[in-house]
Amino acid sequence: MKKARQAVEYAAKLLGFSGVGVTSASTEQGDTLRRWVREGCHADMIWMERHLTVRENPQLLLPGVRSIIMLTYEYPRIDSRSVAGSIARYAQGEDYHKLLAPKLADLDETLSFYGGVQRCFTDSGPVSERFFAACAGIGWIGRNGLLVRRRGGSYCFLASILTTLDLPTDEPMANHCGNCHRCEDACPTGALRDGSCDARLCLAYWTIEAGEGADMPPEVRAVQGEHMYGCDACQEVCPWNRRAGDMRVDAHLLMPARLAKTSPKELATMSEAEWQDIFAQSPVRRTGSVHLRKNIRSMSVSPS
C-alpha cells in the first residue's frame, strides 16, 4: 500500500494540509483518557463519557479499520483583534469543520481508488486525534495537552482518516518539552497538569463549551480578563510556537475586518440578526449569542 500512501500525501499537500502521518488503528491507547474522565476533568462534556468506549476502539467506528491517517492544517498565530475582547485564534476565521470537510472527502476518494473504505473526521467524532497524531510522528503531546510540532508548534487543526487499507506507518516522535513549564505557569487558572487540562478550571471550557445555564466559578471569573471566547495563553508562551517559519495559513481562517474592530460592547448590544450575520461563517456561532454576551458581561476589562 505504499502507492496509496504516496497518493494521499501528494493530494493532501495540494489541498493545503501541512503534515501527514500514519499509525496503526490497533495502537494501544492506555488508560489516560479513561482516568481523565473518571476524575471528572471533562466537566459537563458528557459526550466524552458517552463515547469513551468508541474512542478507545476505532473498530467500533469503522469495522475492519487498519490504519489511521492524521493530518494538520494551519491556523493563524497572530491575534487580529484591534479592540478588547480576545477570540481564540482557531475561531477567528471561518468554521474549520466546513472548510476541511470537502478536502477530506477528496482524500477519501483518493483512498477509495486503492480499495479502501474510510471515515473522516476533524474534531467531529469520537477519535483520540492528538494521541494518534503523536503516534503517527507528527509531533508530541505537550504539557498543555496539545499536539506540539518541531516546525509549526501547536497552532494547527487536526483531521483524521480511518481506513481499511494497511498503509506504511510512522514512528512516534520523542517529547521535546524538556524542563519547560511555561504553559503551566502561564495558565490563568492552573488548569494544566501532567500534560492534560482540567476543563473545570479552563477558560476555554467556560467561555465555549459550558452550557448557557452554567455559572463560571468565581475563581475562574476573577482571572477571565478580556477572554471573550477561548484562551490561547498556553500557546502564546510555548517556545515551539516561535519557530513557525513560513507556515502558510488559509485565507478563509483569517479574521474578517468587521469582526476585528467590533468591540465587545457592540457585540453585546447588537440585534440577534446582526449577531448571526457577523458570525455567519464562524465557529463562534455554535456557542450562541446568549453565551457570548454572558462572557462579555463577566469580562474584567471595559467592554467598550
C-alpha atoms as a PDB file:
ATOM      1  CA  MET A   1       0.000   0.000   0.000  1.00  0.00           C
ATOM      2  CA  LYS A   2       3.000   2.285  -0.438  1.00  0.00           C
ATOM      3  CA  LYS A   3       1.461   3.806  -3.568  1.00  0.00           C
ATOM      4  CA  ALA A   4      -1.757   4.585  -1.715  1.00  0.00           C
ATOM      5  CA  ARG A   5       0.182   6.408   0.973  1.00  0.00           C
ATOM      6  CA  GLN A   6       2.180   8.373  -1.585  1.00  0.00           C
ATOM      7  CA  ALA A   7      -1.045   9.317  -3.367  1.00  0.00           C
ATOM      8  CA  VAL A   8      -2.757  10.573  -0.225  1.00  0.00           C
ATOM      9  CA  GLU A   9       0.337  12.544   0.821  1.00  0.00           C
ATOM     10  CA  TYR A  10       0.514  14.209  -2.589  1.00  0.00           C
ATOM     11  CA  ALA A  11      -3.201  15.028  -2.597  1.00  0.00           C
ATOM     12  CA  ALA A  12      -3.086  16.318   0.992  1.00  0.00           C
ATOM     13  CA  LYS A  13      -0.307  18.739   0.121  1.00  0.00           C
ATOM     14  CA  LEU A  14      -2.256  20.055  -2.868  1.00  0.00           C
ATOM     15  CA  LEU A  15      -5.291  20.547  -0.615  1.00  0.00           C
ATOM     16  CA  GLY A  16      -3.305  22.688   1.830  1.00  0.00           C
ATOM     17  CA  PHE A  17      -2.615  20.235   4.648  1.00  0.00           C
ATOM     18  CA  SER A  18       0.738  20.947   6.271  1.00  0.00           C
ATOM     19  CA  GLY A  19       1.529  17.500   7.645  1.00  0.00           C
ATOM     20  CA  VAL A  20       0.603  13.839   7.172  1.00  0.00           C
ATOM     21  CA  GLY A  21       1.371  10.849   9.367  1.00  0.00           C
ATOM     22  CA  VAL A  22       0.085   7.296   9.658  1.00  0.00           C
ATOM     23  CA  THR A  23      -0.280   4.966  12.607  1.00  0.00           C
ATOM     24  CA  SER A  24      -1.881   1.580  13.159  1.00  0.00           C
ATOM     25  CA  ALA A  25      -5.509   1.563  14.247  1.00  0.00           C
ATOM     26  CA  SER A  26      -4.618  -1.140  16.777  1.00  0.00           C
ATOM     27  CA  THR A  27      -2.213   1.122  18.682  1.00  0.00           C
ATOM     28  CA  GLU A  28      -2.880   0.664  22.398  1.00  0.00           C
ATOM     29  CA  GLN A  29      -4.184   3.898  23.939  1.00  0.00           C
ATOM     30  CA  GLY A  30      -3.722   3.005  27.601  1.00  0.00           C
ATOM     31  CA  ASP A  31      -5.995   4.330  30.336  1.00  0.00           C
ATOM     32  CA  THR A  32      -5.015   8.028  30.293  1.00  0.00           C
ATOM     33  CA  LEU A  33      -8.291   9.228  28.784  1.00  0.00           C
ATOM     34  CA  ARG A  34     -10.438   6.942  30.908  1.00  0.00           C
ATOM     35  CA  ARG A  35      -8.667   8.135  34.059  1.00  0.00           C
ATOM     36  CA  TRP A  36      -9.136  11.778  32.961  1.00  0.00           C
ATOM     37  CA  VAL A  37     -12.875  11.201  32.596  1.00  0.00           C
ATOM     38  CA  ARG A  38     -13.090   9.199  35.808  1.00  0.00           C
ATOM     39  CA  GLU A  39     -11.547  12.105  37.715  1.00  0.00           C
ATOM     40  CA  GLY A  40     -14.195  14.442  36.307  1.00  0.00           C
ATOM     41  CA  CYS A  41     -11.767  16.585  34.295  1.00  0.00           C
ATOM     42  CA  HIS A  42     -14.192  16.606  31.359  1.00  0.00           C
ATOM     43  CA  ALA A  43     -16.580  18.780  33.416  1.00  0.00           C
ATOM     44  CA  ASP A  44     -20.046  18.659  31.792  1.00  0.00           C
ATOM     45  CA  MET A  45     -18.852  17.472  28.370  1.00  0.00           C
ATOM     46  CA  ILE A  46     -20.997  14.377  28.692  1.00  0.00           C
ATOM     47  CA  TRP A  47     -20.212  13.214  25.167  1.00  0.00           C
ATOM     48  CA  MET A  48     -16.649  12.449  26.277  1.00  0.00           C
ATOM     49  CA  GLU A  49     -18.003   9.919  28.745  1.00  0.00           C
ATOM     50  CA  ARG A  50     -20.735   8.631  26.424  1.00  0.00           C
ATOM     51  CA  HIS A  51     -18.327   7.890  23.568  1.00  0.00           C
ATOM     52  CA  LEU A  52     -15.367   6.744  25.646  1.00  0.00           C
ATOM     53  CA  THR A  53     -15.574   3.103  24.584  1.00  0.00           C
ATOM     54  CA  VAL A  54     -15.699   4.088  20.895  1.00  0.00           C
ATOM     55  CA  ARG A  55     -12.700   6.397  21.317  1.00  0.00           C
ATOM     56  CA  GLU A  56     -10.737   3.521  22.761  1.00  0.00           C
ATOM     57  CA  ASN A  57     -11.685   1.132  19.955  1.00  0.00           C
ATOM     58  CA  PRO A  58     -11.664   2.546  16.378  1.00  0.00           C
ATOM     59  CA  GLN A  59     -13.124  -0.768  15.152  1.00  0.00           C
ATOM     60  CA  LEU A  60     -16.448   0.428  16.546  1.00  0.00           C
ATOM     61  CA  LEU A  61     -16.268   3.456  14.251  1.00  0.00           C
ATOM     62  CA  LEU A  62     -15.144   1.588  11.149  1.00  0.00           C
ATOM     63  CA  PRO A  63     -15.184  -2.217  11.220  1.00  0.00           C
ATOM     64  CA  GLY A  64     -12.043  -3.520   9.565  1.00  0.00           C
ATOM     65  CA  VAL A  65     -10.065  -0.308  10.079  1.00  0.00           C
ATOM     66  CA  ARG A  66      -6.327  -0.951   9.844  1.00  0.00           C
ATOM     67  CA  SER A  67      -4.686   2.464   9.583  1.00  0.00           C
ATOM     68  CA  ILE A  68      -5.318   5.957  10.877  1.00  0.00           C
ATOM     69  CA  ILE A  69      -4.075   8.861   8.795  1.00  0.00           C
ATOM     70  CA  MET A  70      -3.533  12.072  10.732  1.00  0.00           C
ATOM     71  CA  LEU A  71      -3.278  15.472   9.067  1.00  0.00           C
ATOM     72  CA  THR A  72      -2.520  19.013  10.201  1.00  0.00           C
ATOM     73  CA  TYR A  73      -3.937  22.254   8.799  1.00  0.00           C
ATOM     74  CA  GLU A  74      -2.516  25.569   9.956  1.00  0.00           C
ATOM     75  CA  TYR A  75      -4.484  28.369  11.600  1.00  0.00           C
ATOM     76  CA  PRO A  76      -3.352  31.938  12.455  1.00  0.00           C
ATOM     77  CA  ARG A  77      -0.721  32.556  15.104  1.00  0.00           C
ATOM     78  CA  ILE A  78      -1.443  36.274  15.434  1.00  0.00           C
ATOM     79  CA  ASP A  79      -4.437  37.788  17.232  1.00  0.00           C
ATOM     80  CA  SER A  80      -6.139  40.051  14.689  1.00  0.00           C
ATOM     81  CA  ARG A  81      -8.462  41.791  17.130  1.00  0.00           C
ATOM     82  CA  SER A  82      -7.785  45.552  17.288  1.00  0.00           C
ATOM     83  CA  VAL A  83     -10.121  46.101  20.261  1.00  0.00           C
ATOM     84  CA  ALA A  84     -10.658  44.415  23.629  1.00  0.00           C
ATOM     85  CA  GLY A  85     -12.234  41.000  23.875  1.00  0.00           C
ATOM     86  CA  SER A  86      -9.977  38.199  22.653  1.00  0.00           C
ATOM     87  CA  ILE A  87     -11.180  35.342  20.465  1.00  0.00           C
ATOM     88  CA  ALA A  88      -9.130  32.140  20.332  1.00  0.00           C
ATOM     89  CA  ARG A  89      -7.071  32.081  17.154  1.00  0.00           C
ATOM     90  CA  TYR A  90      -8.609  28.882  15.853  1.00  0.00           C
ATOM     91  CA  ALA A  91     -12.029  30.586  15.802  1.00  0.00           C
ATOM     92  CA  GLN A  92     -11.088  33.910  14.217  1.00  0.00           C
ATOM     93  CA  GLY A  93     -11.976  32.907  10.674  1.00  0.00           C
ATOM     94  CA  GLU A  94     -14.466  30.571   9.031  1.00  0.00           C
ATOM     95  CA  ASP A  95     -15.677  27.335  10.613  1.00  0.00           C
ATOM     96  CA  TYR A  96     -12.888  24.813  10.066  1.00  0.00           C
ATOM     97  CA  HIS A  97     -15.317  21.885  10.064  1.00  0.00           C
ATOM     98  CA  LYS A  98     -16.961  23.199   6.890  1.00  0.00           C
ATOM     99  CA  LEU A  99     -13.623  24.201   5.382  1.00  0.00           C
ATOM    100  CA  LEU A 100     -11.948  20.824   5.837  1.00  0.00           C
ATOM    101  CA  ALA A 101     -14.902  18.518   5.143  1.00  0.00           C
ATOM    102  CA  PRO A 102     -14.690  18.717   1.321  1.00  0.00           C
ATOM    103  CA  LYS A 103     -10.899  18.347   1.450  1.00  0.00           C
ATOM    104  CA  LEU A 104     -11.258  15.173   3.490  1.00  0.00           C
ATOM    105  CA  ALA A 105     -13.882  13.946   1.025  1.00  0.00           C
ATOM    106  CA  ASP A 106     -11.308  14.347  -1.759  1.00  0.00           C
ATOM    107  CA  LEU A 107      -8.781  12.292   0.196  1.00  0.00           C
ATOM    108  CA  ASP A 108     -11.462   9.683   0.879  1.00  0.00           C
ATOM    109  CA  GLU A 109     -11.981   9.403  -2.877  1.00  0.00           C
ATOM    110  CA  THR A 110      -8.233   9.027  -3.441  1.00  0.00           C
ATOM    111  CA  LEU A 111      -8.009   6.155  -0.968  1.00  0.00           C
ATOM    112  CA  SER A 112     -11.146   4.526  -2.390  1.00  0.00           C
ATOM    113  CA  PHE A 113      -9.318   4.214  -5.707  1.00  0.00           C
ATOM    114  CA  TYR A 114      -6.944   1.805  -3.947  1.00  0.00           C
ATOM    115  CA  GLY A 115      -9.807  -0.220  -2.478  1.00  0.00           C
ATOM    116  CA  GLY A 116     -10.078   1.470   0.914  1.00  0.00           C
ATOM    117  CA  VAL A 117     -13.181   2.194   2.933  1.00  0.00           C
ATOM    118  CA  GLN A 118     -12.856   5.350   5.026  1.00  0.00           C
ATOM    119  CA  ARG A 119     -14.398   7.531   7.698  1.00  0.00           C
ATOM    120  CA  CYS A 120     -13.121  11.092   8.062  1.00  0.00           C
ATOM    121  CA  PHE A 121     -13.229  13.497  10.997  1.00  0.00           C
ATOM    122  CA  THR A 122     -11.889  16.844  12.117  1.00  0.00           C
ATOM    123  CA  ASP A 123     -12.718  17.349  15.765  1.00  0.00           C
ATOM    124  CA  SER A 124     -16.102  15.945  14.813  1.00  0.00           C
ATOM    125  CA  GLY A 125     -16.128  12.368  16.027  1.00  0.00           C
ATOM    126  CA  PRO A 126     -15.002  10.098  18.863  1.00  0.00           C
ATOM    127  CA  VAL A 127     -11.383   9.803  17.727  1.00  0.00           C
ATOM    128  CA  SER A 128      -8.393  10.476  20.010  1.00  0.00           C
ATOM    129  CA  GLU A 129      -6.829  12.722  17.385  1.00  0.00           C
ATOM    130  CA  ARG A 130      -3.976  14.151  19.453  1.00  0.00           C
ATOM    131  CA  PHE A 131      -2.987  10.695  20.654  1.00  0.00           C
ATOM    132  CA  PHE A 132      -2.936   9.231  17.137  1.00  0.00           C
ATOM    133  CA  ALA A 133      -1.161  12.288  15.715  1.00  0.00           C
ATOM    134  CA  ALA A 134       1.618  11.750  18.242  1.00  0.00           C
ATOM    135  CA  CYS A 135       1.764   8.037  17.392  1.00  0.00           C
ATOM    136  CA  ALA A 136       1.974   8.984  13.712  1.00  0.00           C
ATOM    137  CA  GLY A 137       5.126  11.023  14.339  1.00  0.00           C
ATOM    138  CA  ILE A 138       3.621  14.431  13.590  1.00  0.00           C
ATOM    139  CA  GLY A 139       4.549  15.816  16.986  1.00  0.00           C
ATOM    140  CA  TRP A 140       4.199  15.085  20.685  1.00  0.00           C
ATOM    141  CA  ILE A 141       1.621  15.886  23.345  1.00  0.00           C
ATOM    142  CA  GLY A 142       2.969  18.835  25.304  1.00  0.00           C
ATOM    143  CA  ARG A 143       2.398  19.807  28.900  1.00  0.00           C
ATOM    144  CA  ASN A 144      -0.595  21.844  27.784  1.00  0.00           C
ATOM    145  CA  GLY A 145      -2.248  18.690  26.439  1.00  0.00           C
ATOM    146  CA  LEU A 146      -1.964  19.905  22.832  1.00  0.00           C
ATOM    147  CA  LEU A 147      -0.064  18.387  19.949  1.00  0.00           C
ATOM    148  CA  VAL A 148       3.231  20.265  19.542  1.00  0.00           C
ATOM    149  CA  ARG A 149       5.402  20.067  16.406  1.00  0.00           C
ATOM    150  CA  ARG A 150       9.059  20.921  15.922  1.00  0.00           C
ATOM    151  CA  ARG A 151       8.050  23.034  12.926  1.00  0.00           C
ATOM    152  CA  GLY A 152       4.797  24.875  13.429  1.00  0.00           C
ATOM    153  CA  GLY A 153       4.223  24.399  17.155  1.00  0.00           C
ATOM    154  CA  SER A 154       0.631  23.820  18.212  1.00  0.00           C
ATOM    155  CA  TYR A 155      -1.338  26.288  16.075  1.00  0.00           C
ATOM    156  CA  CYS A 156      -2.999  23.713  13.827  1.00  0.00           C
ATOM    157  CA  PHE A 157      -6.208  21.782  13.329  1.00  0.00           C
ATOM    158  CA  LEU A 158      -6.083  18.003  13.353  1.00  0.00           C
ATOM    159  CA  ALA A 159      -8.026  15.826  10.949  1.00  0.00           C
ATOM    160  CA  SER A 160      -8.218  12.049  10.894  1.00  0.00           C
ATOM    161  CA  ILE A 161      -8.997   9.447   8.267  1.00  0.00           C
ATOM    162  CA  LEU A 162      -9.753   5.913   9.374  1.00  0.00           C
ATOM    163  CA  THR A 163      -9.161   3.472   6.522  1.00  0.00           C
ATOM    164  CA  THR A 164      -9.300  -0.260   5.932  1.00  0.00           C
ATOM    165  CA  LEU A 165      -6.066  -0.018   3.941  1.00  0.00           C
ATOM    166  CA  ASP A 166      -2.882  -1.287   5.562  1.00  0.00           C
ATOM    167  CA  LEU A 167      -0.593   1.703   4.994  1.00  0.00           C
ATOM    168  CA  PRO A 168       3.084   2.118   5.933  1.00  0.00           C
ATOM    169  CA  THR A 169       3.252   3.693   9.387  1.00  0.00           C
ATOM    170  CA  ASP A 170       5.479   6.305  11.033  1.00  0.00           C
ATOM    171  CA  GLU A 171       7.433   6.188  14.264  1.00  0.00           C
ATOM    172  CA  PRO A 172       6.271   8.297  17.223  1.00  0.00           C
ATOM    173  CA  MET A 173       8.273  11.447  17.917  1.00  0.00           C
ATOM    174  CA  ALA A 174      10.097  11.956  21.210  1.00  0.00           C
ATOM    175  CA  ASN A 175       8.715  14.569  23.598  1.00  0.00           C
ATOM    176  CA  HIS A 176      10.731  17.787  23.293  1.00  0.00           C
ATOM    177  CA  CYS A 177       9.197  19.831  26.110  1.00  0.00           C
ATOM    178  CA  GLY A 178      12.257  19.125  28.230  1.00  0.00           C
ATOM    179  CA  ASN A 179      12.240  21.036  31.502  1.00  0.00           C
ATOM    180  CA  CYS A 180       9.988  23.795  30.135  1.00  0.00           C
ATOM    181  CA  HIS A 181       6.843  24.514  32.152  1.00  0.00           C
ATOM    182  CA  ARG A 182       5.919  27.861  30.612  1.00  0.00           C
ATOM    183  CA  CYS A 183       2.450  26.731  29.528  1.00  0.00           C
ATOM    184  CA  GLU A 184       1.592  25.513  33.013  1.00  0.00           C
ATOM    185  CA  ASP A 185       2.918  28.713  34.570  1.00  0.00           C
ATOM    186  CA  ALA A 186       1.014  30.896  32.102  1.00  0.00           C
ATOM    187  CA  CYS A 187      -2.361  29.198  32.534  1.00  0.00           C
ATOM    188  CA  PRO A 188      -4.538  31.825  34.297  1.00  0.00           C
ATOM    189  CA  THR A 189      -6.432  29.238  36.328  1.00  0.00           C
ATOM    190  CA  GLY A 190      -3.845  26.498  36.893  1.00  0.00           C
ATOM    191  CA  ALA A 191      -5.874  24.082  34.766  1.00  0.00           C
ATOM    192  CA  LEU A 192      -2.806  22.374  33.289  1.00  0.00           C
ATOM    193  CA  ARG A 193      -1.040  19.488  34.954  1.00  0.00           C
ATOM    194  CA  ASP A 194       0.796  16.378  33.831  1.00  0.00           C
ATOM    195  CA  GLY A 195       0.135  17.003  30.142  1.00  0.00           C
ATOM    196  CA  SER A 196      -3.631  17.363  30.466  1.00  0.00           C
ATOM    197  CA  CYS A 197      -6.185  20.081  31.065  1.00  0.00           C
ATOM    198  CA  ASP A 198      -8.813  20.075  33.802  1.00  0.00           C
ATOM    199  CA  ALA A 199     -11.829  21.538  31.996  1.00  0.00           C
ATOM    200  CA  ARG A 200     -13.418  22.510  35.311  1.00  0.00           C
ATOM    201  CA  LEU A 201     -10.787  25.249  35.584  1.00  0.00           C
ATOM    202  CA  CYS A 202     -10.243  26.007  31.892  1.00  0.00           C
ATOM    203  CA  LEU A 203     -11.245  29.406  30.494  1.00  0.00           C
ATOM    204  CA  ALA A 204     -11.727  27.855  27.060  1.00  0.00           C
ATOM    205  CA  TYR A 205     -14.254  25.418  28.519  1.00  0.00           C
ATOM    206  CA  TRP A 206     -16.188  28.088  30.397  1.00  0.00           C
ATOM    207  CA  THR A 207     -16.291  30.562  27.525  1.00  0.00           C
ATOM    208  CA  ILE A 208     -17.062  27.995  24.810  1.00  0.00           C
ATOM    209  CA  GLU A 209     -18.300  24.591  25.928  1.00  0.00           C
ATOM    210  CA  ALA A 210     -20.148  25.232  29.194  1.00  0.00           C
ATOM    211  CA  GLY A 211     -23.921  25.361  28.850  1.00  0.00           C
ATOM    212  CA  GLU A 212     -25.758  28.679  28.896  1.00  0.00           C
ATOM    213  CA  GLY A 213     -27.130  27.911  32.336  1.00  0.00           C
ATOM    214  CA  ALA A 214     -23.739  27.072  33.851  1.00  0.00           C
ATOM    215  CA  ASP A 215     -22.132  29.731  36.023  1.00  0.00           C
ATOM    216  CA  MET A 216     -18.410  30.323  35.754  1.00  0.00           C
ATOM    217  CA  PRO A 217     -16.775  29.662  39.152  1.00  0.00           C
ATOM    218  CA  PRO A 218     -15.724  32.861  40.980  1.00  0.00           C
ATOM    219  CA  GLU A 219     -12.054  31.825  40.967  1.00  0.00           C
ATOM    220  CA  VAL A 220     -12.158  31.408  37.178  1.00  0.00           C
ATOM    221  CA  ARG A 221     -14.105  34.625  36.578  1.00  0.00           C
ATOM    222  CA  ALA A 222     -11.561  36.509  38.680  1.00  0.00           C
ATOM    223  CA  VAL A 223      -8.862  35.819  36.072  1.00  0.00           C
ATOM    224  CA  GLN A 224     -11.003  35.894  32.932  1.00  0.00           C
ATOM    225  CA  GLY A 225      -9.606  39.258  31.913  1.00  0.00           C
ATOM    226  CA  GLU A 226     -10.561  40.029  28.319  1.00  0.00           C
ATOM    227  CA  HIS A 227     -11.049  36.413  27.249  1.00  0.00           C
ATOM    228  CA  MET A 228     -14.312  36.641  25.355  1.00  0.00           C
ATOM    229  CA  TYR A 229     -14.141  33.310  23.552  1.00  0.00           C
ATOM    230  CA  GLY A 230     -11.478  30.739  24.350  1.00  0.00           C
ATOM    231  CA  CYS A 231      -7.941  31.139  25.644  1.00  0.00           C
ATOM    232  CA  ASP A 232      -4.537  30.855  23.956  1.00  0.00           C
ATOM    233  CA  ALA A 233      -2.365  31.627  26.997  1.00  0.00           C
ATOM    234  CA  CYS A 234      -0.586  28.262  26.979  1.00  0.00           C
ATOM    235  CA  GLN A 235       0.148  28.517  23.248  1.00  0.00           C
ATOM    236  CA  GLU A 236       1.338  32.116  23.365  1.00  0.00           C
ATOM    237  CA  VAL A 237       4.239  31.258  25.672  1.00  0.00           C
ATOM    238  CA  CYS A 238       5.288  27.967  24.054  1.00  0.00           C
ATOM    239  CA  PRO A 239       8.810  28.297  22.583  1.00  0.00           C
ATOM    240  CA  TRP A 240       7.899  25.952  19.738  1.00  0.00           C
ATOM    241  CA  ASN A 241       5.252  28.391  18.537  1.00  0.00           C
ATOM    242  CA  ARG A 242       8.016  30.896  17.861  1.00  0.00           C
ATOM    243  CA  ARG A 243       9.532  28.553  15.299  1.00  0.00           C
ATOM    244  CA  ALA A 244       6.665  28.560  12.850  1.00  0.00           C
ATOM    245  CA  GLY A 245       8.837  29.685   9.957  1.00  0.00           C
ATOM    246  CA  ASP A 246       6.908  30.224   6.751  1.00  0.00           C
ATOM    247  CA  MET A 247       3.904  28.047   7.610  1.00  0.00           C
ATOM    248  CA  ARG A 248       1.097  29.272   5.366  1.00  0.00           C
ATOM    249  CA  VAL A 249      -2.430  29.905   6.630  1.00  0.00           C
ATOM    250  CA  ASP A 250      -5.576  29.550   4.541  1.00  0.00           C
ATOM    251  CA  ALA A 251      -7.107  32.999   3.942  1.00  0.00           C
ATOM    252  CA  HIS A 252     -10.513  31.634   4.965  1.00  0.00           C
ATOM    253  CA  LEU A 253      -9.184  31.261   8.517  1.00  0.00           C
ATOM    254  CA  LEU A 254      -8.197  34.921   8.870  1.00  0.00           C
ATOM    255  CA  MET A 255     -10.452  37.207  10.897  1.00  0.00           C
ATOM    256  CA  PRO A 256     -12.767  39.435   8.820  1.00  0.00           C
ATOM    257  CA  ALA A 257     -12.010  43.149   9.207  1.00  0.00           C
ATOM    258  CA  ARG A 258     -15.514  43.815  10.505  1.00  0.00           C
ATOM    259  CA  LEU A 259     -15.131  41.389  13.415  1.00  0.00           C
ATOM    260  CA  ALA A 260     -11.570  42.544  14.135  1.00  0.00           C
ATOM    261  CA  LYS A 261     -12.781  46.043  15.010  1.00  0.00           C
ATOM    262  CA  THR A 262     -16.186  45.305  16.577  1.00  0.00           C
ATOM    263  CA  SER A 263     -15.980  45.944  20.328  1.00  0.00           C
ATOM    264  CA  PRO A 264     -17.452  43.643  22.979  1.00  0.00           C
ATOM    265  CA  LYS A 265     -19.994  46.367  23.802  1.00  0.00           C
ATOM    266  CA  GLU A 266     -21.165  46.412  20.192  1.00  0.00           C
ATOM    267  CA  LEU A 267     -21.368  42.629  20.125  1.00  0.00           C
ATOM    268  CA  ALA A 268     -23.364  42.607  23.355  1.00  0.00           C
ATOM    269  CA  THR A 269     -25.890  45.195  22.207  1.00  0.00           C
ATOM    270  CA  MET A 270     -26.411  44.332  18.528  1.00  0.00           C
ATOM    271  CA  SER A 271     -29.608  42.642  17.418  1.00  0.00           C
ATOM    272  CA  GLU A 272     -29.802  38.890  17.030  1.00  0.00           C
ATOM    273  CA  ALA A 273     -29.947  39.291  13.244  1.00  0.00           C
ATOM    274  CA  GLU A 274     -26.777  41.406  13.280  1.00  0.00           C
ATOM    275  CA  TRP A 275     -25.052  38.902  15.557  1.00  0.00           C
ATOM    276  CA  GLN A 276     -25.986  35.993  13.283  1.00  0.00           C
ATOM    277  CA  ASP A 277     -24.698  37.955  10.300  1.00  0.00           C
ATOM    278  CA  ILE A 278     -21.278  38.801  11.748  1.00  0.00           C
ATOM    279  CA  PHE A 279     -20.723  35.205  12.899  1.00  0.00           C
ATOM    280  CA  ALA A 280     -22.469  33.528   9.943  1.00  0.00           C
ATOM    281  CA  GLN A 281     -19.367  31.562   8.856  1.00  0.00           C
ATOM    282  CA  SER A 282     -17.652  31.409  12.266  1.00  0.00           C
ATOM    283  CA  PRO A 283     -17.314  28.510  14.727  1.00  0.00           C
ATOM    284  CA  VAL A 284     -18.332  31.060  17.392  1.00  0.00           C
ATOM    285  CA  ARG A 285     -21.863  30.724  16.055  1.00  0.00           C
ATOM    286  CA  ARG A 286     -22.135  27.256  17.626  1.00  0.00           C
ATOM    287  CA  THR A 287     -21.769  28.723  21.108  1.00  0.00           C
ATOM    288  CA  GLY A 288     -24.604  31.160  20.502  1.00  0.00           C
ATOM    289  CA  SER A 289     -25.222  34.820  21.218  1.00  0.00           C
ATOM    290  CA  VAL A 290     -26.583  34.246  24.731  1.00  0.00           C
ATOM    291  CA  HIS A 291     -23.399  32.525  25.872  1.00  0.00           C
ATOM    292  CA  LEU A 292     -21.096  35.071  24.222  1.00  0.00           C
ATOM    293  CA  ARG A 293     -22.977  38.001  25.766  1.00  0.00           C
ATOM    294  CA  LYS A 294     -22.712  36.275  29.122  1.00  0.00           C
ATOM    295  CA  ASN A 295     -18.939  36.012  28.624  1.00  0.00           C
ATOM    296  CA  ILE A 296     -18.772  39.717  27.776  1.00  0.00           C
ATOM    297  CA  ARG A 297     -20.650  40.694  30.926  1.00  0.00           C
ATOM    298  CA  SER A 298     -18.208  38.755  33.108  1.00  0.00           C
ATOM    299  CA  MET A 299     -15.072  40.193  31.486  1.00  0.00           C
ATOM    300  CA  SER A 300     -12.958  42.252  33.880  1.00  0.00           C
ATOM    301  CA  VAL A 301     -11.924  44.780  31.220  1.00  0.00           C
ATOM    302  CA  SER A 302     -14.010  47.562  29.764  1.00  0.00           C
ATOM    303  CA  PRO A 303     -16.377  46.144  27.127  1.00  0.00           C
ATOM    304  CA  SER A 304     -16.200  49.358  25.109  1.00  0.00           C
END
